[in-house]
Amino acid sequence: STQTHAQSPNEQSTSEDGFDETRENLPPPACFVSPKTPKSGIYHAEWISSPFWRQSISDDQINRWETSADEIVLKIFSYLNLEDLFRCALVCRHWYELLHDRQLWERVNLTQRTIPFDRLLSVLGCGSKYLSLMCGDVKDVPAASLRKYHREKLELEYIDFGLCNIKPFQLTCLLEHSPQLRKVNLEALAITGPVLRALARYSNLEVLNLAMCQNVNGTQLVAVTKHCINLKELNLAWCHVTECTFKKMFPKRVDSMLKLNISGGRDTVTCGVIDRLTAKLPNLISLDISDCFRLDGSALDDIALHCPRLEELCCSRVYELTTVDVLTFTAKMKHLSRINSFPSIVNERFQELRRDLKQRFPALLLNSKESSDIARPCTELKVPKGYSILWDIALPP
């Protein structure tokens, strides 16, 4: 007769499909339990991916943040704003370390934002290369909180501080610690001697916008034009630079300079200044001399003589220029494609100039730009909605 016997504890029962039923409800091996939460029932990816134990846990016991690859978590972080990223850094040590990844901070957009100076230094210390603080506000902090940053070198290449509320010593600190700077926008800021002195140290500087800056030191400005031998664009519009400073700028010939804006020099930009500057900058392709009241036709003759490659000239509200002067100048320039000559009042003289230019030079663009874009970070680059433009770089919101 067939006798049934009790199964020995050491024996294992196996179902028809080969699954070991005696291990179905066993706890997971200790090596698979997360060391961060040993009693929480949250397990690592090795335990979750094990086909042998997969049936013993439910989906709500899996921490998707811990089991996801770092690349996926960083991609999610890239959609968060600055405040949320700072909060995420407080969650755990792993996230804190992830949030120091360079790809998160390479492009920093703080347009119209407020940030303490020490936190700004902390963000930039993560390898930021492109920074926009346009119309932003940098809050002052105690000096003791800045000690750990005083020797740290930054990797900034492009910065935009236009219309930003930042103290001169903060700006000087950032510039002194950014030896790789190539493009700088300081429009409408109070510029002290130390700020220009810091800029003069970098021969790789290519673009500098000082439009409408206050308290520009003439001696330090001359030093910038002397030592920054790779400058391509310089904007000094409405900086109230003296005639003497203009004549001392660029003591040596600079072949790299392509665009220069000295508009707003009502009484300080003379024909002698134009003759001296254009002789040192023979490769100019764009020049803005608007609102320079002491210029006349001889200034255009000097420009045509020294800058044969000029493509764009802005000479709005230069009242001593006649229609004949502009037509003669245009006829001499083979590469000229655009002239901006907005008058203060649209009168018969302006209508005559526009008519004559259209008849004699039909391909010439007249008054196609309302303002100069020399050295300014806004370009025609097409970017998604909410993004900011920093020259040829798009910054996410």
Protein backbone atom coordinates (compact mmCIF):
# COMPACT_ATOMS: atom_id res chain seq x y z
CA SER A 1 0.00 0.00 0.00
CA THR A 2 1.09 3.54 -0.71
CA GLN A 3 2.16 5.39 2.45
CA THR A 4 2.50 9.17 2.76
CA HIS A 5 5.32 10.43 4.86
CA ALA A 6 6.06 13.90 6.31
CA GLN A 7 8.59 15.89 4.38
CA SER A 8 11.94 16.36 6.04
CA PRO A 9 12.85 19.93 6.98
CA ASN A 10 16.02 19.58 4.94
CA GLU A 11 14.08 18.54 1.84
CA GLN A 12 12.85 21.12 -0.67
CA SER A 13 9.55 21.02 -2.50
CA THR A 14 9.59 22.12 -6.09
CA SER A 15 6.53 23.05 -8.10
CA GLU A 16 5.90 21.86 -11.59
CA ASP A 17 7.46 24.97 -13.10
CA GLY A 18 10.63 24.50 -11.05
CA PHE A 19 10.04 27.31 -8.59
CA ASP A 20 11.28 26.63 -5.08
CA GLU A 21 8.20 27.15 -2.89
CA THR A 22 10.09 26.92 0.39
CA ARG A 23 11.94 30.16 -0.35
CA GLU A 24 8.98 32.16 -1.51
CA ASN A 25 8.44 33.96 1.78
CA LEU A 26 12.00 34.13 3.03
CA PRO A 27 13.42 37.59 3.82
CA PRO A 28 15.92 39.08 1.34
CA PRO A 29 19.61 38.48 1.87
CA ALA A 30 21.27 41.07 4.08
CA CYS A 31 23.61 42.14 1.27
CA PHE A 32 20.63 43.41 -0.74
CA VAL A 33 19.14 45.59 1.98
CA SER A 34 19.83 49.30 1.47
CA PRO A 35 22.52 50.43 3.93
CA LYS A 36 20.85 53.84 4.13
CA THR A 37 17.52 52.48 5.34
CA PRO A 38 18.22 49.02 6.83
CA LYS A 39 14.84 48.73 8.55
CA SER A 40 12.61 50.38 5.99
CA GLY A 41 12.09 47.44 3.66
CA ILE A 42 13.62 49.37 0.75
CA TYR A 43 15.99 47.22 -1.30
CA HIS A 44 18.70 47.87 -3.86
CA ALA A 45 18.51 47.20 -7.59
CA GLU A 46 20.32 43.87 -7.23
CA TRP A 47 17.57 42.56 -4.99
CA ILE A 48 14.76 43.98 -7.10
CA SER A 49 16.16 42.58 -10.34
CA SER A 50 16.62 39.10 -8.89
CA PRO A 51 14.03 36.83 -10.60
CA PHE A 52 14.20 34.44 -7.68
CA TRP A 53 13.02 36.95 -5.09
CA ARG A 54 10.95 39.32 -7.22
CA GLN A 55 7.65 37.82 -6.14
CA SER A 56 8.27 38.46 -2.44
CA ILE A 57 8.02 42.29 -2.47
CA SER A 58 5.36 44.70 -3.65
CA ASP A 59 5.84 47.73 -5.89
CA ASP A 60 5.25 50.20 -3.09
CA GLN A 61 8.34 48.87 -1.29
CA ILE A 62 10.64 49.91 -4.15
CA ASN A 63 12.25 53.36 -3.87
CA ARG A 64 12.42 54.43 -7.50
CA TRP A 65 14.80 57.32 -6.70
CA GLU A 66 17.40 54.94 -5.24
CA THR A 67 17.06 52.37 -8.00
CA SER A 68 17.17 54.85 -10.92
CA ALA A 69 20.44 55.54 -12.66
CA ASP A 70 22.19 58.78 -11.76
CA GLU A 71 21.85 59.98 -15.35
CA ILE A 72 18.05 59.76 -15.10
CA VAL A 73 17.96 61.63 -11.80
CA LEU A 74 20.22 64.36 -13.21
CA LYS A 75 17.93 64.71 -16.21
CA ILE A 76 14.97 65.25 -13.87
CA PHE A 77 16.98 67.78 -11.85
CA SER A 78 17.75 69.71 -15.03
CA TYR A 79 14.09 70.77 -15.25
CA LEU A 80 14.01 72.29 -11.75
CA ASN A 81 14.58 75.93 -10.90
CA LEU A 82 17.34 77.15 -8.63
CA GLU A 83 15.31 77.19 -5.41
CA ASP A 84 14.09 73.64 -5.91
CA LEU A 85 17.63 72.42 -6.59
CA PHE A 86 18.79 73.93 -3.31
CA ARG A 87 15.97 72.11 -1.50
CA CYS A 88 16.85 68.83 -3.18
CA ALA A 89 20.41 69.15 -1.91
CA LEU A 90 19.06 68.87 1.64
CA VAL A 91 17.24 65.55 1.08
CA CYS A 92 20.18 63.16 1.43
CA ARG A 93 23.92 62.90 0.92
CA HIS A 94 23.54 61.13 -2.41
CA TRP A 95 21.43 63.92 -3.87
CA TYR A 96 23.81 66.49 -2.41
CA GLU A 97 26.67 64.85 -4.30
CA LEU A 98 24.60 64.55 -7.50
CA LEU A 99 23.70 68.22 -7.37
CA HIS A 100 27.39 69.09 -7.62
CA ASP A 101 27.52 67.55 -11.09
CA ARG A 102 29.00 70.00 -13.58
CA GLN A 103 26.36 69.48 -16.27
CA LEU A 104 23.66 70.95 -14.01
CA TRP A 105 25.49 74.24 -13.49
CA GLU A 106 27.31 74.83 -16.79
CA ARG A 107 24.59 77.31 -17.86
CA VAL A 108 23.11 79.39 -15.04
CA ASN A 109 20.18 81.71 -15.77
CA LEU A 110 19.47 84.11 -12.89
CA THR A 111 17.80 86.82 -14.98
CA GLN A 112 15.69 89.05 -12.72
CA ARG A 113 16.47 86.84 -9.73
CA THR A 114 17.73 87.61 -6.22
CA ILE A 115 20.57 85.55 -4.75
CA PRO A 116 22.97 85.99 -1.80
CA PHE A 117 26.58 86.50 -2.84
CA ASP A 118 27.94 83.45 -1.00
CA ARG A 119 25.34 81.18 -2.62
CA LEU A 120 26.22 82.63 -6.01
CA LEU A 121 29.88 81.78 -5.43
CA SER A 122 28.87 78.27 -4.36
CA VAL A 123 26.89 77.73 -7.57
CA LEU A 124 29.64 79.12 -9.80
CA GLY A 125 32.17 76.89 -8.03
CA CYS A 126 30.44 73.83 -9.52
CA GLY A 127 31.96 74.55 -12.94
CA SER A 128 29.63 77.21 -14.39
CA LYS A 129 30.75 78.63 -17.73
CA TYR A 130 27.81 80.81 -18.75
CA LEU A 131 26.03 83.15 -16.31
CA SER A 132 23.22 85.66 -16.80
CA LEU A 133 22.30 87.96 -13.91
CA MET A 134 20.66 90.63 -16.06
CA CYS A 135 18.35 92.84 -13.98
CA GLY A 136 19.15 90.62 -10.98
CA ASP A 137 19.98 91.47 -7.39
CA VAL A 138 23.01 90.14 -5.49
CA LYS A 139 22.51 90.38 -1.74
CA ASP A 140 25.41 91.24 0.54
CA VAL A 141 26.55 88.70 3.14
CA PRO A 142 28.96 88.81 6.13
CA ALA A 143 32.63 88.70 5.20
CA ALA A 144 33.16 85.59 7.34
CA SER A 145 30.98 83.52 4.97
CA LEU A 146 33.23 84.40 2.01
CA ARG A 147 36.55 83.23 3.42
CA LYS A 148 36.37 79.74 1.95
CA TYR A 149 35.93 81.19 -1.55
CA HIS A 150 38.78 83.72 -1.63
CA ARG A 151 41.23 81.42 -3.46
CA GLU A 152 38.80 79.44 -5.58
CA LYS A 153 39.19 79.87 -9.34
CA LEU A 154 36.03 79.98 -11.43
CA GLU A 155 35.55 78.67 -14.97
CA LEU A 156 33.27 81.46 -16.22
CA GLU A 157 33.57 82.35 -19.91
CA TYR A 158 30.43 84.45 -20.57
CA ILE A 159 28.81 86.76 -17.99
CA ASP A 160 25.92 89.20 -18.28
CA PHE A 161 25.49 91.64 -15.39
CA GLY A 162 23.56 94.25 -17.37
CA LEU A 163 21.36 96.43 -15.15
CA CYS A 164 22.19 94.18 -12.20
CA ASN A 165 22.24 95.42 -8.60
CA ILE A 166 25.70 94.25 -7.59
CA LYS A 167 28.28 96.03 -5.46
CA PRO A 168 31.64 96.95 -7.01
CA PHE A 169 33.63 94.77 -4.60
CA GLN A 170 31.42 91.75 -5.44
CA LEU A 171 31.92 92.35 -9.15
CA THR A 172 35.67 92.76 -8.66
CA CYS A 173 35.81 89.48 -6.71
CA LEU A 174 34.07 87.58 -9.51
CA LEU A 175 36.25 89.08 -12.23
CA GLU A 176 39.51 88.47 -10.37
CA HIS A 177 38.64 84.78 -9.95
CA SER A 178 37.55 84.19 -13.58
CA PRO A 179 40.71 83.96 -15.70
CA GLN A 180 38.89 82.29 -18.61
CA LEU A 181 36.51 85.20 -19.33
CA ARG A 182 35.87 85.86 -23.01
CA LYS A 183 32.61 87.85 -23.16
CA VAL A 184 31.48 90.37 -20.51
CA ASN A 185 28.41 92.61 -20.32
CA LEU A 186 28.47 95.27 -17.57
CA GLU A 187 25.94 97.66 -19.07
CA ALA A 188 24.72 100.48 -16.82
CA LEU A 189 26.81 99.49 -13.78
CA ALA A 190 29.00 101.65 -11.55
CA ILE A 191 32.51 100.72 -12.70
CA THR A 192 35.43 101.36 -10.36
CA GLY A 193 39.14 101.22 -11.07
CA PRO A 194 39.60 97.71 -9.59
CA VAL A 195 36.91 96.34 -11.93
CA LEU A 196 38.72 97.55 -15.06
CA ARG A 197 42.05 96.55 -13.55
CA ALA A 198 40.77 92.99 -13.17
CA LEU A 199 39.57 92.94 -16.80
CA ALA A 200 42.90 94.24 -18.08
CA ARG A 201 44.61 91.09 -16.77
CA TYR A 202 42.96 88.82 -19.32
CA SER A 203 44.39 88.92 -22.82
CA ASN A 204 41.80 86.38 -24.02
CA LEU A 205 38.90 88.84 -23.51
CA GLU A 206 36.95 89.13 -26.79
CA VAL A 207 33.76 91.12 -26.08
CA LEU A 208 33.26 93.93 -23.54
CA ASN A 209 30.12 96.03 -23.11
CA LEU A 210 30.49 99.11 -20.88
CA ALA A 211 27.56 101.07 -22.35
CA MET A 212 26.14 103.68 -19.97
CA CYS A 213 28.56 102.71 -17.20
CA GLN A 214 29.30 105.31 -14.53
CA ASN A 215 32.62 106.46 -13.09
CA VAL A 216 34.73 104.87 -15.83
CA ASN A 217 38.38 105.43 -14.97
CA GLY A 218 40.23 106.68 -18.06
CA THR A 219 43.62 105.28 -17.06
CA GLN A 220 42.27 101.80 -16.42
CA LEU A 221 40.22 101.89 -19.62
CA VAL A 222 43.38 102.63 -21.59
CA ALA A 223 45.02 99.66 -19.82
CA VAL A 224 42.16 97.40 -20.96
CA THR A 225 42.61 98.42 -24.61
CA LYS A 226 46.36 97.95 -24.26
CA HIS A 227 46.49 94.49 -22.66
CA CYS A 228 43.33 92.85 -24.07
CA ILE A 229 44.92 92.28 -27.45
CA ASN A 230 42.20 89.87 -28.65
CA LEU A 231 39.27 92.25 -28.27
CA LYS A 232 36.75 91.91 -31.09
CA GLU A 233 33.86 94.07 -29.85
CA LEU A 234 33.88 97.09 -27.51
CA ASN A 235 30.88 99.22 -26.53
CA LEU A 236 31.57 102.56 -24.80
CA ALA A 237 28.25 104.24 -25.60
CA TRP A 238 27.36 107.10 -23.27
CA CYS A 239 30.25 106.39 -20.89
CA HIS A 240 31.34 110.06 -20.76
CA VAL A 241 34.90 109.18 -21.69
CA THR A 242 37.11 112.24 -22.11
CA GLU A 243 38.70 113.28 -25.40
CA CYS A 244 42.17 112.68 -23.93
CA THR A 245 41.24 109.10 -22.96
CA PHE A 246 39.85 108.39 -26.43
CA LYS A 247 43.12 109.49 -28.00
CA LYS A 248 45.17 107.27 -25.68
CA MET A 249 43.09 104.16 -26.26
CA PHE A 250 44.64 101.37 -28.33
CA PRO A 251 48.27 102.54 -28.14
CA LYS A 252 49.14 99.76 -30.60
CA ARG A 253 47.42 98.52 -33.73
CA VAL A 254 44.77 95.88 -32.95
CA ASP A 255 43.87 93.75 -35.95
CA SER A 256 41.33 91.64 -34.04
CA MET A 257 38.94 94.55 -33.31
CA LEU A 258 35.86 94.28 -35.54
CA LYS A 259 33.12 96.34 -33.87
CA LEU A 260 33.34 99.61 -31.93
CA ASN A 261 30.61 101.76 -30.40
CA ILE A 262 31.57 105.24 -29.14
CA SER A 263 28.15 106.85 -29.54
CA GLY A 264 27.04 109.50 -27.07
CA GLY A 265 30.39 111.31 -27.07
CA ARG A 266 28.70 114.61 -27.77
CA ASP A 267 31.61 116.94 -27.09
CA THR A 268 34.46 114.46 -26.57
CA VAL A 269 34.50 112.52 -29.85
CA THR A 270 36.18 114.78 -32.38
CA CYS A 271 37.47 114.29 -35.91
CA GLY A 272 40.95 113.89 -34.41
CA VAL A 273 39.67 111.05 -32.20
CA ILE A 274 38.12 109.29 -35.20
CA ASP A 275 41.34 109.65 -37.22
CA ARG A 276 43.46 108.21 -34.41
CA LEU A 277 41.13 105.32 -33.51
CA THR A 278 40.43 104.14 -37.05
CA ALA A 279 44.16 104.20 -37.87
CA LYS A 280 44.75 101.71 -35.03
CA LEU A 281 41.70 99.57 -35.91
CA PRO A 282 41.95 98.92 -39.66
CA ASN A 283 39.73 95.80 -39.71
CA LEU A 284 36.57 97.39 -38.33
CA ILE A 285 33.37 96.11 -39.94
CA SER A 286 30.91 98.00 -37.69
CA LEU A 287 31.22 101.48 -36.19
CA ASP A 288 28.71 103.56 -34.22
CA ILE A 289 29.39 107.32 -33.92
CA SER A 290 25.82 108.45 -33.25
CA ASP A 291 25.21 111.55 -31.11
CA CYS A 292 28.76 112.86 -31.62
CA PHE A 293 28.00 116.50 -32.36
CA ARG A 294 31.53 117.68 -33.24
CA LEU A 295 31.98 115.37 -36.23
CA ASP A 296 31.70 116.47 -39.86
CA GLY A 297 32.47 115.15 -43.32
CA SER A 298 36.21 114.86 -42.64
CA ALA A 299 35.48 112.14 -40.07
CA LEU A 300 33.84 110.05 -42.80
CA ASP A 301 36.89 110.61 -45.01
CA ASP A 302 39.16 109.22 -42.26
CA ILE A 303 36.89 106.19 -41.78
CA ALA A 304 36.91 105.45 -45.51
CA LEU A 305 40.70 105.79 -45.60
CA HIS A 306 41.56 103.57 -42.63
CA CYS A 307 38.68 101.06 -42.59
CA PRO A 308 38.04 99.85 -46.16
CA ARG A 309 36.25 96.69 -44.92
CA LEU A 310 33.53 98.57 -43.04
CA GLU A 311 30.09 96.99 -43.51
CA GLU A 312 27.92 98.99 -41.11
CA LEU A 313 27.95 102.64 -40.02
CA CYS A 314 25.64 104.27 -37.47
CA CYS A 315 25.74 108.07 -37.59
CA SER A 316 22.36 109.16 -36.23
CA ARG A 317 22.01 112.76 -35.04
CA VAL A 318 25.44 113.86 -36.27
CA TYR A 319 24.14 117.20 -37.40
CA GLU A 320 27.26 118.48 -39.20
CA LEU A 321 27.06 115.68 -41.78
CA THR A 322 25.46 116.68 -45.07
CA THR A 323 23.71 114.57 -47.67
CA VAL A 324 26.71 114.98 -49.97
CA ASP A 325 29.07 113.71 -47.21
CA VAL A 326 27.04 110.54 -46.71
CA LEU A 327 26.64 109.86 -50.44
CA THR A 328 30.35 110.40 -51.10
CA PHE A 329 31.30 108.11 -48.24
CA THR A 330 28.90 105.38 -49.39
CA ALA A 331 30.32 105.51 -52.90
CA LYS A 332 33.85 104.88 -51.56
CA MET A 333 32.95 101.85 -49.43
CA LYS A 334 32.80 98.61 -51.41
CA HIS A 335 31.61 96.42 -48.52
CA LEU A 336 29.12 98.81 -46.93
CA SER A 337 25.72 97.14 -46.56
CA ARG A 338 23.93 99.14 -43.85
CA ILE A 339 23.71 102.78 -42.73
CA ASN A 340 21.75 103.95 -39.71
CA SER A 341 21.16 107.69 -39.82
CA PHE A 342 18.10 108.47 -37.71
CA PRO A 343 17.50 112.23 -37.38
CA SER A 344 16.06 113.92 -34.32
CA ILE A 345 13.28 115.23 -36.57
CA VAL A 346 12.14 113.72 -39.87
CA ASN A 347 12.56 116.69 -42.19
CA GLU A 348 13.14 117.43 -45.87
CA ARG A 349 16.89 116.88 -45.51
CA PHE A 350 16.37 113.35 -44.21
CA GLN A 351 13.81 112.58 -46.91
CA GLU A 352 16.29 113.76 -49.54
CA LEU A 353 19.08 111.56 -48.12
CA ARG A 354 16.86 108.49 -48.04
CA ARG A 355 15.67 109.06 -51.60
CA ASP A 356 19.18 109.55 -52.98
CA LEU A 357 20.57 106.49 -51.20
CA LYS A 358 17.75 104.30 -52.50
CA GLN A 359 18.32 105.50 -56.06
CA ARG A 360 22.11 105.18 -56.13
CA PHE A 361 22.55 102.17 -53.81
CA PRO A 362 19.41 100.02 -53.99
CA ALA A 363 21.01 97.12 -52.08
CA LEU A 364 21.95 99.34 -49.13
CA LEU A 365 19.90 98.91 -45.93
CA LEU A 366 18.93 102.25 -44.44
CA ASN A 367 17.83 102.52 -40.81
CA SER A 368 17.15 98.79 -40.51
CA LYS A 369 18.19 98.76 -36.83
CA GLU A 370 16.78 100.94 -34.10
CA SER A 371 19.70 100.41 -31.72
CA SER A 372 23.23 99.09 -31.81
CA ASP A 373 23.90 95.45 -30.88
CA ILE A 374 27.67 95.84 -30.62
CA ALA A 375 29.00 93.75 -27.69
CA ARG A 376 25.48 93.21 -26.38
CA PRO A 377 24.45 89.64 -25.45
CA CYS A 378 21.13 89.76 -27.32
CA THR A 379 21.48 88.22 -30.77
CA GLU A 380 19.17 86.80 -33.42
CA LEU A 381 19.62 83.29 -32.05
CA LYS A 382 16.28 81.44 -32.01
CA VAL A 383 15.57 79.76 -28.66
CA PRO A 384 12.54 78.07 -27.05
CA LYS A 385 10.06 80.16 -25.09
CA GLY A 386 11.36 81.14 -21.65
CA TYR A 387 15.03 80.74 -22.55
CA SER A 388 17.49 83.61 -22.32
CA ILE A 389 20.14 84.48 -24.91
CA LEU A 390 23.75 84.96 -23.94
CA TRP A 391 25.45 85.78 -27.24
CA ASP A 392 25.61 82.41 -29.03
CA ILE A 393 24.44 80.41 -25.97
CA ALA A 394 20.85 79.58 -24.98
CA LEU A 395 20.22 79.51 -21.22
CA PRO A 396 17.30 77.43 -19.88
CA PRO A 397 14.78 79.22 -17.64
